[in-house]
Amino acid sequence: MLRTNQAFLKYFEELYMKQEGREEVVVKDFSREENILIQHQPLSKVMLIKEGVAKCYLTEENGKEYIVEFLGNGEILGEVELMKNISCLCGVKAVSEVTVYEVNVSYFKSLIKNDLALNHLLLDSFAERIINTSSRASYQQLYTVEHTVTQLLNMQSKQGIQISKEDMAAYLGITVRSLNRILKDLK
């Protein structure tokens, strides 16, 4: 439901601390609802969430959003686009105040070439995403939407964030009207 990666966060914290005056890795803040990455736009930086919660979403041709995942501390953004040399596959928007470590593309490419620890973290992250995607697909087949709504509400409470009904519906792949019926039944 909320993806985090403490090992990646630790790696970026150490990378940031050992810069010695250079600015290859900088800290940047995003306000709630601010775009972090925009779907179909060129990638300008690779980022890692230091603090906060963001939503990763696809906007379909009909204008509807589908939320792929909620991302938390230690989740990396833009690495797939960098490796494939493509525009942003998804949009990423801050759900709460978000702080990221931001790395310019050329520096990140040099790290990929020279840092085995980074490569292991990337491989682990990719494997985790594959597992999460298949788990979520099976979960959606095995459990009711009501169960997932309950989990979303618990995550929202635990993280101290407010997820709009539109975002909840987009995450569940249902209409807001259907979500309202479920919320009414859960009361």
N, C-alpha and C. Protein backbone atom coordinates (compact mmCIF):
# COMPACT_ATOMS: atom_id res chain seq x y z
N MET A 1 0.83 -1.19 0.00
CA MET A 1 0.00 0.00 0.00
C MET A 1 0.87 1.25 0.00
N LEU A 2 1.78 1.37 0.96
CA LEU A 2 2.75 2.47 0.97
C LEU A 2 4.13 1.84 0.88
N ARG A 3 4.81 2.09 -0.22
CA ARG A 3 6.11 1.49 -0.46
C ARG A 3 7.21 2.35 0.14
N THR A 4 8.14 1.70 0.83
CA THR A 4 9.31 2.38 1.40
C THR A 4 10.54 1.51 1.13
N ASN A 5 11.72 2.11 1.26
CA ASN A 5 12.96 1.37 1.04
C ASN A 5 14.05 2.00 1.92
N GLN A 6 14.21 1.47 3.11
CA GLN A 6 15.16 2.04 4.07
C GLN A 6 16.61 1.91 3.62
N ALA A 7 16.94 0.82 2.93
CA ALA A 7 18.32 0.62 2.46
C ALA A 7 18.69 1.70 1.44
N PHE A 8 17.78 1.99 0.54
CA PHE A 8 18.04 3.03 -0.47
C PHE A 8 18.14 4.40 0.20
N LEU A 9 17.30 4.65 1.18
CA LEU A 9 17.34 5.91 1.91
C LEU A 9 18.68 6.09 2.59
N LYS A 10 19.17 5.04 3.23
CA LYS A 10 20.47 5.10 3.90
C LYS A 10 21.59 5.39 2.89
N TYR A 11 21.53 4.74 1.74
CA TYR A 11 22.54 4.95 0.70
C TYR A 11 22.57 6.43 0.28
N PHE A 12 21.40 7.01 0.02
CA PHE A 12 21.34 8.41 -0.42
C PHE A 12 21.74 9.37 0.69
N GLU A 13 21.40 9.06 1.93
CA GLU A 13 21.83 9.91 3.05
C GLU A 13 23.35 9.96 3.11
N GLU A 14 23.99 8.79 2.97
CA GLU A 14 25.46 8.73 2.99
C GLU A 14 26.06 9.45 1.78
N LEU A 15 25.45 9.29 0.62
CA LEU A 15 25.91 9.96 -0.60
C LEU A 15 25.85 11.48 -0.42
N TYR A 16 24.77 11.95 0.17
CA TYR A 16 24.58 13.39 0.40
C TYR A 16 25.61 13.92 1.41
N MET A 17 25.85 13.16 2.47
CA MET A 17 26.73 13.63 3.54
C MET A 17 28.21 13.67 3.11
N LYS A 18 28.63 12.80 2.21
CA LYS A 18 30.05 12.73 1.86
C LYS A 18 30.41 13.55 0.61
N GLN A 19 29.60 14.49 0.22
CA GLN A 19 29.85 15.27 -1.00
C GLN A 19 31.02 16.23 -0.92
N GLU A 20 31.32 16.74 0.26
CA GLU A 20 32.43 17.67 0.46
C GLU A 20 32.31 18.92 -0.42
N GLY A 21 31.21 19.62 -0.27
CA GLY A 21 31.06 20.90 -0.95
C GLY A 21 30.48 20.84 -2.35
N ARG A 22 30.55 19.70 -3.01
CA ARG A 22 29.94 19.60 -4.35
C ARG A 22 28.43 19.53 -4.19
N GLU A 23 27.74 19.72 -5.28
CA GLU A 23 26.28 19.69 -5.19
C GLU A 23 25.68 18.72 -6.20
N GLU A 24 26.22 17.50 -6.26
CA GLU A 24 25.64 16.48 -7.13
C GLU A 24 24.32 15.97 -6.57
N VAL A 25 24.21 15.95 -5.25
CA VAL A 25 22.99 15.52 -4.57
C VAL A 25 22.51 16.71 -3.74
N VAL A 26 21.29 17.16 -4.01
CA VAL A 26 20.72 18.28 -3.26
C VAL A 26 19.39 17.84 -2.65
N VAL A 27 18.96 18.56 -1.63
CA VAL A 27 17.68 18.30 -1.00
C VAL A 27 16.69 19.31 -1.54
N LYS A 28 15.52 18.83 -1.92
CA LYS A 28 14.48 19.70 -2.46
C LYS A 28 13.15 19.36 -1.81
N ASP A 29 12.36 20.40 -1.55
CA ASP A 29 11.05 20.22 -0.92
C ASP A 29 9.93 20.45 -1.92
N PHE A 30 8.85 19.67 -1.77
CA PHE A 30 7.65 19.83 -2.57
C PHE A 30 6.46 19.99 -1.64
N SER A 31 5.58 20.91 -1.98
CA SER A 31 4.37 21.13 -1.21
C SER A 31 3.34 20.06 -1.56
N ARG A 32 2.38 19.89 -0.66
CA ARG A 32 1.27 18.97 -0.92
C ARG A 32 0.61 19.35 -2.25
N GLU A 33 0.32 18.35 -3.08
CA GLU A 33 -0.32 18.49 -4.39
C GLU A 33 0.62 19.01 -5.48
N GLU A 34 1.89 19.25 -5.16
CA GLU A 34 2.84 19.72 -6.17
C GLU A 34 3.34 18.55 -7.00
N ASN A 35 3.48 18.77 -8.30
CA ASN A 35 4.02 17.74 -9.19
C ASN A 35 5.51 17.56 -8.95
N ILE A 36 5.91 16.31 -8.83
CA ILE A 36 7.33 15.97 -8.68
C ILE A 36 7.87 15.53 -10.03
N LEU A 37 7.15 14.64 -10.71
CA LEU A 37 7.43 14.25 -12.09
C LEU A 37 6.12 14.34 -12.88
N ILE A 38 6.23 14.68 -14.15
CA ILE A 38 5.04 14.82 -14.99
C ILE A 38 5.11 13.79 -16.11
N GLN A 39 4.04 13.00 -16.22
CA GLN A 39 3.96 11.97 -17.23
C GLN A 39 4.23 12.55 -18.62
N HIS A 40 5.02 11.85 -19.41
CA HIS A 40 5.39 12.19 -20.80
C HIS A 40 6.36 13.37 -20.91
N GLN A 41 6.79 13.95 -19.79
CA GLN A 41 7.77 15.04 -19.83
C GLN A 41 9.17 14.44 -19.73
N PRO A 42 10.17 15.13 -20.30
CA PRO A 42 11.55 14.62 -20.20
C PRO A 42 12.00 14.58 -18.73
N LEU A 43 12.83 13.62 -18.42
CA LEU A 43 13.37 13.49 -17.07
C LEU A 43 14.51 14.49 -16.89
N SER A 44 14.46 15.26 -15.82
CA SER A 44 15.54 16.21 -15.58
C SER A 44 16.44 15.78 -14.43
N LYS A 45 15.89 15.04 -13.46
CA LYS A 45 16.65 14.60 -12.29
C LYS A 45 16.15 13.23 -11.86
N VAL A 46 17.01 12.47 -11.21
CA VAL A 46 16.60 11.25 -10.51
C VAL A 46 16.42 11.67 -9.06
N MET A 47 15.36 11.18 -8.42
CA MET A 47 15.07 11.59 -7.05
C MET A 47 14.81 10.39 -6.16
N LEU A 48 15.02 10.61 -4.88
CA LEU A 48 14.70 9.61 -3.88
C LEU A 48 13.94 10.32 -2.76
N ILE A 49 12.81 9.77 -2.38
CA ILE A 49 12.01 10.40 -1.34
C ILE A 49 12.71 10.25 0.01
N LYS A 50 13.02 11.39 0.61
CA LYS A 50 13.64 11.41 1.93
C LYS A 50 12.56 11.34 3.00
N GLU A 51 11.51 12.15 2.82
CA GLU A 51 10.40 12.19 3.77
C GLU A 51 9.12 12.52 3.03
N GLY A 52 8.02 11.96 3.50
CA GLY A 52 6.72 12.29 2.94
C GLY A 52 6.12 11.15 2.13
N VAL A 53 4.95 11.44 1.56
CA VAL A 53 4.21 10.46 0.77
C VAL A 53 3.83 11.09 -0.56
N ALA A 54 4.05 10.33 -1.64
CA ALA A 54 3.69 10.78 -2.98
C ALA A 54 2.86 9.69 -3.65
N LYS A 55 2.09 10.09 -4.65
CA LYS A 55 1.36 9.10 -5.44
C LYS A 55 1.99 9.02 -6.82
N CYS A 56 2.13 7.79 -7.29
CA CYS A 56 2.62 7.53 -8.64
C CYS A 56 1.40 7.11 -9.44
N TYR A 57 1.12 7.84 -10.54
CA TYR A 57 -0.13 7.59 -11.25
C TYR A 57 0.05 7.70 -12.76
N LEU A 58 -0.86 7.03 -13.45
CA LEU A 58 -0.95 7.12 -14.90
C LEU A 58 -2.22 7.88 -15.24
N THR A 59 -2.13 8.77 -16.21
CA THR A 59 -3.33 9.41 -16.74
C THR A 59 -3.61 8.77 -18.08
N GLU A 60 -4.77 8.14 -18.18
CA GLU A 60 -5.15 7.43 -19.40
C GLU A 60 -5.61 8.41 -20.47
N GLU A 61 -5.76 7.92 -21.69
CA GLU A 61 -6.17 8.77 -22.81
C GLU A 61 -7.53 9.44 -22.57
N ASN A 62 -8.39 8.79 -21.78
CA ASN A 62 -9.70 9.37 -21.48
C ASN A 62 -9.65 10.40 -20.35
N GLY A 63 -8.44 10.68 -19.85
CA GLY A 63 -8.26 11.69 -18.81
C GLY A 63 -8.35 11.16 -17.39
N LYS A 64 -8.69 9.89 -17.24
CA LYS A 64 -8.83 9.32 -15.90
C LYS A 64 -7.46 8.91 -15.36
N GLU A 65 -7.31 9.09 -14.05
CA GLU A 65 -6.08 8.72 -13.37
C GLU A 65 -6.21 7.33 -12.79
N TYR A 66 -5.12 6.60 -12.82
CA TYR A 66 -5.02 5.33 -12.12
C TYR A 66 -3.77 5.42 -11.25
N ILE A 67 -3.93 5.29 -9.94
CA ILE A 67 -2.79 5.37 -9.04
C ILE A 67 -2.13 4.00 -8.97
N VAL A 68 -0.89 3.97 -9.39
CA VAL A 68 -0.11 2.73 -9.41
C VAL A 68 0.31 2.37 -7.99
N GLU A 69 0.77 3.38 -7.24
CA GLU A 69 1.28 3.11 -5.90
C GLU A 69 1.42 4.40 -5.12
N PHE A 70 1.39 4.27 -3.80
CA PHE A 70 1.76 5.36 -2.92
C PHE A 70 3.20 5.11 -2.49
N LEU A 71 4.04 6.14 -2.59
CA LEU A 71 5.48 6.00 -2.36
C LEU A 71 5.89 6.78 -1.12
N GLY A 72 6.73 6.16 -0.30
CA GLY A 72 7.22 6.81 0.93
C GLY A 72 8.73 6.87 0.96
N ASN A 73 9.26 6.98 2.15
CA ASN A 73 10.69 7.17 2.38
C ASN A 73 11.53 6.09 1.69
N GLY A 74 12.53 6.54 0.93
CA GLY A 74 13.47 5.62 0.30
C GLY A 74 13.06 5.13 -1.08
N GLU A 75 11.94 5.59 -1.59
CA GLU A 75 11.52 5.16 -2.93
C GLU A 75 12.16 6.06 -3.98
N ILE A 76 12.70 5.44 -5.01
CA ILE A 76 13.43 6.15 -6.06
C ILE A 76 12.49 6.49 -7.21
N LEU A 77 12.74 7.65 -7.84
CA LEU A 77 11.91 8.14 -8.94
C LEU A 77 12.80 8.49 -10.13
N GLY A 78 12.43 8.01 -11.31
CA GLY A 78 13.11 8.40 -12.53
C GLY A 78 14.22 7.48 -13.00
N GLU A 79 14.53 6.44 -12.24
CA GLU A 79 15.64 5.56 -12.62
C GLU A 79 15.32 4.73 -13.85
N VAL A 80 14.08 4.29 -14.00
CA VAL A 80 13.71 3.50 -15.18
C VAL A 80 13.81 4.37 -16.43
N GLU A 81 13.28 5.57 -16.34
CA GLU A 81 13.32 6.50 -17.47
C GLU A 81 14.76 6.82 -17.86
N LEU A 82 15.62 6.99 -16.86
CA LEU A 82 17.04 7.27 -17.14
C LEU A 82 17.69 6.09 -17.87
N MET A 83 17.45 4.89 -17.38
CA MET A 83 18.08 3.71 -17.99
C MET A 83 17.57 3.43 -19.39
N LYS A 84 16.29 3.69 -19.62
CA LYS A 84 15.69 3.44 -20.93
C LYS A 84 15.75 4.67 -21.84
N ASN A 85 16.22 5.79 -21.29
CA ASN A 85 16.31 7.05 -22.02
C ASN A 85 14.97 7.44 -22.64
N ILE A 86 13.95 7.47 -21.77
CA ILE A 86 12.59 7.81 -22.20
C ILE A 86 12.02 8.90 -21.31
N SER A 87 10.92 9.49 -21.74
CA SER A 87 10.19 10.47 -20.93
C SER A 87 9.53 9.76 -19.75
N CYS A 88 9.04 10.53 -18.82
CA CYS A 88 8.44 9.98 -17.60
C CYS A 88 7.23 9.10 -17.93
N LEU A 89 7.27 7.88 -17.48
CA LEU A 89 6.18 6.92 -17.69
C LEU A 89 4.93 7.31 -16.90
N CYS A 90 5.14 7.80 -15.69
CA CYS A 90 4.05 8.13 -14.78
C CYS A 90 4.23 9.55 -14.26
N GLY A 91 3.16 10.07 -13.74
CA GLY A 91 3.25 11.30 -12.98
C GLY A 91 3.47 10.95 -11.52
N VAL A 92 4.16 11.81 -10.79
CA VAL A 92 4.33 11.64 -9.36
C VAL A 92 3.98 12.97 -8.72
N LYS A 93 3.05 12.92 -7.75
CA LYS A 93 2.57 14.14 -7.10
C LYS A 93 2.63 13.95 -5.58
N ALA A 94 3.00 15.01 -4.87
CA ALA A 94 3.08 14.97 -3.41
C ALA A 94 1.68 14.86 -2.81
N VAL A 95 1.50 13.89 -1.92
CA VAL A 95 0.25 13.73 -1.18
C VAL A 95 0.36 14.49 0.13
N SER A 96 1.58 14.55 0.67
CA SER A 96 1.89 15.34 1.86
C SER A 96 3.07 16.24 1.49
N GLU A 97 3.61 16.96 2.45
CA GLU A 97 4.87 17.66 2.20
C GLU A 97 5.91 16.58 1.91
N VAL A 98 6.68 16.76 0.85
CA VAL A 98 7.66 15.75 0.45
C VAL A 98 9.04 16.40 0.32
N THR A 99 10.03 15.74 0.87
CA THR A 99 11.42 16.15 0.70
C THR A 99 12.13 15.04 -0.05
N VAL A 100 12.91 15.42 -1.07
CA VAL A 100 13.62 14.43 -1.88
C VAL A 100 15.11 14.76 -1.93
N TYR A 101 15.89 13.72 -2.16
CA TYR A 101 17.27 13.90 -2.60
C TYR A 101 17.19 13.93 -4.12
N GLU A 102 17.79 14.94 -4.72
CA GLU A 102 17.73 15.12 -6.17
C GLU A 102 19.14 15.00 -6.73
N VAL A 103 19.29 14.17 -7.77
CA VAL A 103 20.59 13.90 -8.37
C VAL A 103 20.51 14.21 -9.86
N ASN A 104 21.49 14.94 -10.39
CA ASN A 104 21.45 15.21 -11.83
C ASN A 104 21.73 13.91 -12.58
N VAL A 105 21.21 13.84 -13.79
CA VAL A 105 21.23 12.63 -14.60
C VAL A 105 22.65 12.15 -14.88
N SER A 106 23.54 13.04 -15.24
CA SER A 106 24.91 12.60 -15.59
C SER A 106 25.63 12.01 -14.38
N TYR A 107 25.44 12.59 -13.21
CA TYR A 107 26.07 12.05 -12.00
C TYR A 107 25.50 10.67 -11.67
N PHE A 108 24.19 10.51 -11.80
CA PHE A 108 23.56 9.22 -11.51
C PHE A 108 24.06 8.15 -12.49
N LYS A 109 24.22 8.53 -13.75
CA LYS A 109 24.76 7.58 -14.74
C LYS A 109 26.17 7.14 -14.35
N SER A 110 26.99 8.08 -13.87
CA SER A 110 28.35 7.72 -13.46
C SER A 110 28.32 6.81 -12.23
N LEU A 111 27.37 7.02 -11.34
CA LEU A 111 27.24 6.14 -10.18
C LEU A 111 26.86 4.73 -10.61
N ILE A 112 25.96 4.62 -11.57
CA ILE A 112 25.55 3.30 -12.07
C ILE A 112 26.75 2.56 -12.65
N LYS A 113 27.60 3.28 -13.35
CA LYS A 113 28.79 2.65 -13.96
C LYS A 113 29.83 2.23 -12.92
N ASN A 114 29.90 2.96 -11.81
CA ASN A 114 31.03 2.76 -10.90
C ASN A 114 30.68 2.24 -9.51
N ASP A 115 29.42 2.19 -9.14
CA ASP A 115 29.07 1.86 -7.76
C ASP A 115 28.24 0.57 -7.71
N LEU A 116 28.88 -0.50 -7.30
CA LEU A 116 28.23 -1.80 -7.22
C LEU A 116 27.09 -1.79 -6.19
N ALA A 117 27.27 -1.06 -5.10
CA ALA A 117 26.22 -1.00 -4.07
C ALA A 117 24.94 -0.40 -4.65
N LEU A 118 25.07 0.65 -5.45
CA LEU A 118 23.90 1.26 -6.09
C LEU A 118 23.23 0.26 -7.03
N ASN A 119 24.02 -0.47 -7.78
CA ASN A 119 23.46 -1.46 -8.70
C ASN A 119 22.68 -2.54 -7.96
N HIS A 120 23.19 -2.97 -6.82
CA HIS A 120 22.47 -3.96 -6.02
C HIS A 120 21.16 -3.38 -5.50
N LEU A 121 21.19 -2.14 -5.06
CA LEU A 121 19.96 -1.50 -4.58
C LEU A 121 18.93 -1.37 -5.70
N LEU A 122 19.39 -1.01 -6.89
CA LEU A 122 18.48 -0.90 -8.03
C LEU A 122 17.86 -2.25 -8.39
N LEU A 123 18.69 -3.29 -8.45
CA LEU A 123 18.18 -4.63 -8.75
C LEU A 123 17.16 -5.07 -7.70
N ASP A 124 17.47 -4.82 -6.44
CA ASP A 124 16.55 -5.17 -5.37
C ASP A 124 15.24 -4.40 -5.50
N SER A 125 15.33 -3.13 -5.85
CA SER A 125 14.14 -2.30 -6.03
C SER A 125 13.28 -2.80 -7.19
N PHE A 126 13.91 -3.16 -8.29
CA PHE A 126 13.17 -3.69 -9.44
C PHE A 126 12.48 -5.01 -9.09
N ALA A 127 13.20 -5.88 -8.40
CA ALA A 127 12.61 -7.16 -7.99
C ALA A 127 11.43 -6.94 -7.05
N GLU A 128 11.59 -6.01 -6.13
CA GLU A 128 10.51 -5.70 -5.18
C GLU A 128 9.27 -5.18 -5.92
N ARG A 129 9.48 -4.36 -6.93
CA ARG A 129 8.35 -3.84 -7.71
C ARG A 129 7.61 -4.95 -8.45
N ILE A 130 8.35 -5.90 -8.99
CA ILE A 130 7.72 -7.03 -9.68
C ILE A 130 6.88 -7.83 -8.69
N ILE A 131 7.45 -8.10 -7.53
CA ILE A 131 6.72 -8.84 -6.50
C ILE A 131 5.47 -8.08 -6.08
N ASN A 132 5.62 -6.77 -5.83
CA ASN A 132 4.48 -5.96 -5.39
C ASN A 132 3.38 -5.90 -6.44
N THR A 133 3.77 -5.79 -7.70
CA THR A 133 2.78 -5.71 -8.78
C THR A 133 1.99 -7.01 -8.86
N SER A 134 2.68 -8.14 -8.81
CA SER A 134 1.96 -9.41 -8.90
C SER A 134 1.15 -9.66 -7.63
N SER A 135 1.66 -9.27 -6.48
CA SER A 135 0.91 -9.43 -5.23
C SER A 135 -0.35 -8.58 -5.24
N ARG A 136 -0.22 -7.35 -5.72
CA ARG A 136 -1.39 -6.46 -5.76
C ARG A 136 -2.44 -7.00 -6.71
N ALA A 137 -2.02 -7.53 -7.85
CA ALA A 137 -2.97 -8.09 -8.82
C ALA A 137 -3.73 -9.26 -8.20
N SER A 138 -3.02 -10.16 -7.54
CA SER A 138 -3.70 -11.30 -6.92
C SER A 138 -4.56 -10.85 -5.75
N TYR A 139 -4.08 -9.88 -4.98
CA TYR A 139 -4.83 -9.34 -3.85
C TYR A 139 -6.17 -8.79 -4.31
N GLN A 140 -6.15 -8.04 -5.41
CA GLN A 140 -7.38 -7.45 -5.93
C GLN A 140 -8.37 -8.52 -6.39
N GLN A 141 -7.86 -9.67 -6.78
CA GLN A 141 -8.74 -10.77 -7.18
C GLN A 141 -9.30 -11.52 -5.96
N LEU A 142 -8.53 -11.59 -4.90
CA LEU A 142 -8.90 -12.42 -3.75
C LEU A 142 -9.68 -11.70 -2.66
N TYR A 143 -9.51 -10.39 -2.55
CA TYR A 143 -10.15 -9.64 -1.47
C TYR A 143 -11.16 -8.65 -2.04
N THR A 144 -12.11 -8.29 -1.20
CA THR A 144 -13.12 -7.32 -1.63
C THR A 144 -12.53 -5.92 -1.66
N VAL A 145 -13.17 -5.06 -2.40
CA VAL A 145 -12.76 -3.66 -2.45
C VAL A 145 -12.93 -3.04 -1.06
N GLU A 146 -13.94 -3.47 -0.34
CA GLU A 146 -14.18 -2.95 1.02
C GLU A 146 -12.97 -3.20 1.91
N HIS A 147 -12.37 -4.36 1.78
CA HIS A 147 -11.18 -4.69 2.57
C HIS A 147 -10.03 -3.73 2.23
N THR A 148 -9.84 -3.46 0.95
CA THR A 148 -8.77 -2.56 0.53
C THR A 148 -9.04 -1.13 0.98
N VAL A 149 -10.32 -0.71 0.94
CA VAL A 149 -10.68 0.63 1.42
C VAL A 149 -10.31 0.75 2.90
N THR A 150 -10.61 -0.28 3.67
CA THR A 150 -10.27 -0.27 5.10
C THR A 150 -8.76 -0.11 5.28
N GLN A 151 -7.99 -0.82 4.48
CA GLN A 151 -6.53 -0.70 4.57
C GLN A 151 -6.05 0.70 4.18
N LEU A 152 -6.66 1.27 3.16
CA LEU A 152 -6.30 2.65 2.75
C LEU A 152 -6.59 3.63 3.88
N LEU A 153 -7.75 3.48 4.53
CA LEU A 153 -8.11 4.37 5.64
C LEU A 153 -7.13 4.21 6.80
N ASN A 154 -6.72 2.97 7.06
CA ASN A 154 -5.73 2.72 8.13
C ASN A 154 -4.39 3.35 7.78
N MET A 155 -3.94 3.22 6.53
CA MET A 155 -2.68 3.82 6.11
C MET A 155 -2.74 5.34 6.25
N GLN A 156 -3.86 5.91 5.84
CA GLN A 156 -4.05 7.35 5.93
C GLN A 156 -3.93 7.81 7.38
N SER A 157 -4.55 7.10 8.27
CA SER A 157 -4.51 7.44 9.69
C SER A 157 -3.10 7.28 10.26
N LYS A 158 -2.45 6.17 9.91
CA LYS A 158 -1.11 5.87 10.41
C LYS A 158 -0.09 6.90 9.94
N GLN A 159 -0.20 7.35 8.69
CA GLN A 159 0.75 8.30 8.11
C GLN A 159 0.40 9.75 8.43
N GLY A 160 -0.81 9.97 8.97
CA GLY A 160 -1.24 11.33 9.27
C GLY A 160 -1.43 12.17 8.02
N ILE A 161 -1.92 11.53 6.95
CA ILE A 161 -2.15 12.23 5.69
C ILE A 161 -3.62 12.15 5.31
N GLN A 162 -4.02 12.99 4.41
CA GLN A 162 -5.38 13.00 3.90
C GLN A 162 -5.35 12.58 2.44
N ILE A 163 -5.99 11.46 2.13
CA ILE A 163 -6.09 10.99 0.75
C ILE A 163 -7.50 11.33 0.27
N SER A 164 -7.59 12.05 -0.82
CA SER A 164 -8.90 12.45 -1.33
C SER A 164 -9.68 11.22 -1.81
N LYS A 165 -10.99 11.37 -1.87
CA LYS A 165 -11.84 10.28 -2.39
C LYS A 165 -11.47 9.99 -3.84
N GLU A 166 -11.11 11.01 -4.59
CA GLU A 166 -10.72 10.81 -5.99
C GLU A 166 -9.48 9.94 -6.08
N ASP A 167 -8.50 10.20 -5.19
CA ASP A 167 -7.28 9.39 -5.19
C ASP A 167 -7.54 7.97 -4.72
N MET A 168 -8.39 7.82 -3.71
CA MET A 168 -8.73 6.46 -3.26
C MET A 168 -9.38 5.68 -4.40
N ALA A 169 -10.33 6.30 -5.07
CA ALA A 169 -11.02 5.64 -6.18
C ALA A 169 -10.04 5.32 -7.30
N ALA A 170 -9.11 6.24 -7.59
CA ALA A 170 -8.11 6.01 -8.64
C ALA A 170 -7.18 4.87 -8.27
N TYR A 171 -6.86 4.73 -7.00
CA TYR A 171 -6.02 3.62 -6.55
C TYR A 171 -6.75 2.29 -6.68
N LEU A 172 -8.05 2.31 -6.38
CA LEU A 172 -8.85 1.08 -6.41
C LEU A 172 -9.36 0.73 -7.80
N GLY A 173 -9.28 1.69 -8.72
CA GLY A 173 -9.79 1.46 -10.08
C GLY A 173 -11.30 1.45 -10.13
N ILE A 174 -11.94 2.27 -9.27
CA ILE A 174 -13.40 2.37 -9.24
C ILE A 174 -13.81 3.83 -9.33
N THR A 175 -15.11 4.08 -9.46
CA THR A 175 -15.60 5.46 -9.50
C THR A 175 -15.74 6.00 -8.08
N VAL A 176 -15.77 7.32 -7.95
CA VAL A 176 -15.99 7.95 -6.65
C VAL A 176 -17.37 7.57 -6.12
N ARG A 177 -18.31 7.44 -7.01
CA ARG A 177 -19.67 7.04 -6.60
C ARG A 177 -19.64 5.65 -5.94
N SER A 178 -18.94 4.72 -6.55
CA SER A 178 -18.80 3.37 -5.96
C SER A 178 -18.09 3.44 -4.61
N LEU A 179 -17.06 4.27 -4.53
CA LEU A 179 -16.34 4.43 -3.27
C LEU A 179 -17.26 4.99 -2.19
N ASN A 180 -18.06 5.98 -2.54
CA ASN A 180 -19.00 6.55 -1.57
C ASN A 180 -19.96 5.49 -1.03
N ARG A 181 -20.44 4.60 -1.90
CA ARG A 181 -21.33 3.52 -1.45
C ARG A 181 -20.60 2.60 -0.46
N ILE A 182 -19.36 2.28 -0.78
CA ILE A 182 -18.57 1.41 0.10
C ILE A 182 -18.33 2.08 1.45
N LEU A 183 -17.96 3.37 1.42
CA LEU A 183 -17.72 4.10 2.67
C LEU A 183 -18.98 4.17 3.52
N LYS A 184 -20.12 4.36 2.87
CA LYS A 184 -21.41 4.39 3.58
C LYS A 184 -21.68 3.04 4.23
N ASP A 185 -21.42 1.96 3.52
CA ASP A 185 -21.65 0.61 4.05
C ASP A 185 -20.69 0.27 5.18
N LEU A 186 -19.49 0.83 5.16
CA LEU A 186 -18.50 0.55 6.20
C LEU A 186 -18.83 1.24 7.52
N LYS A 187 -19.63 2.31 7.47
CA LYS A 187 -19.94 3.06 8.69
C LYS A 187 -20.82 2.32 9.62
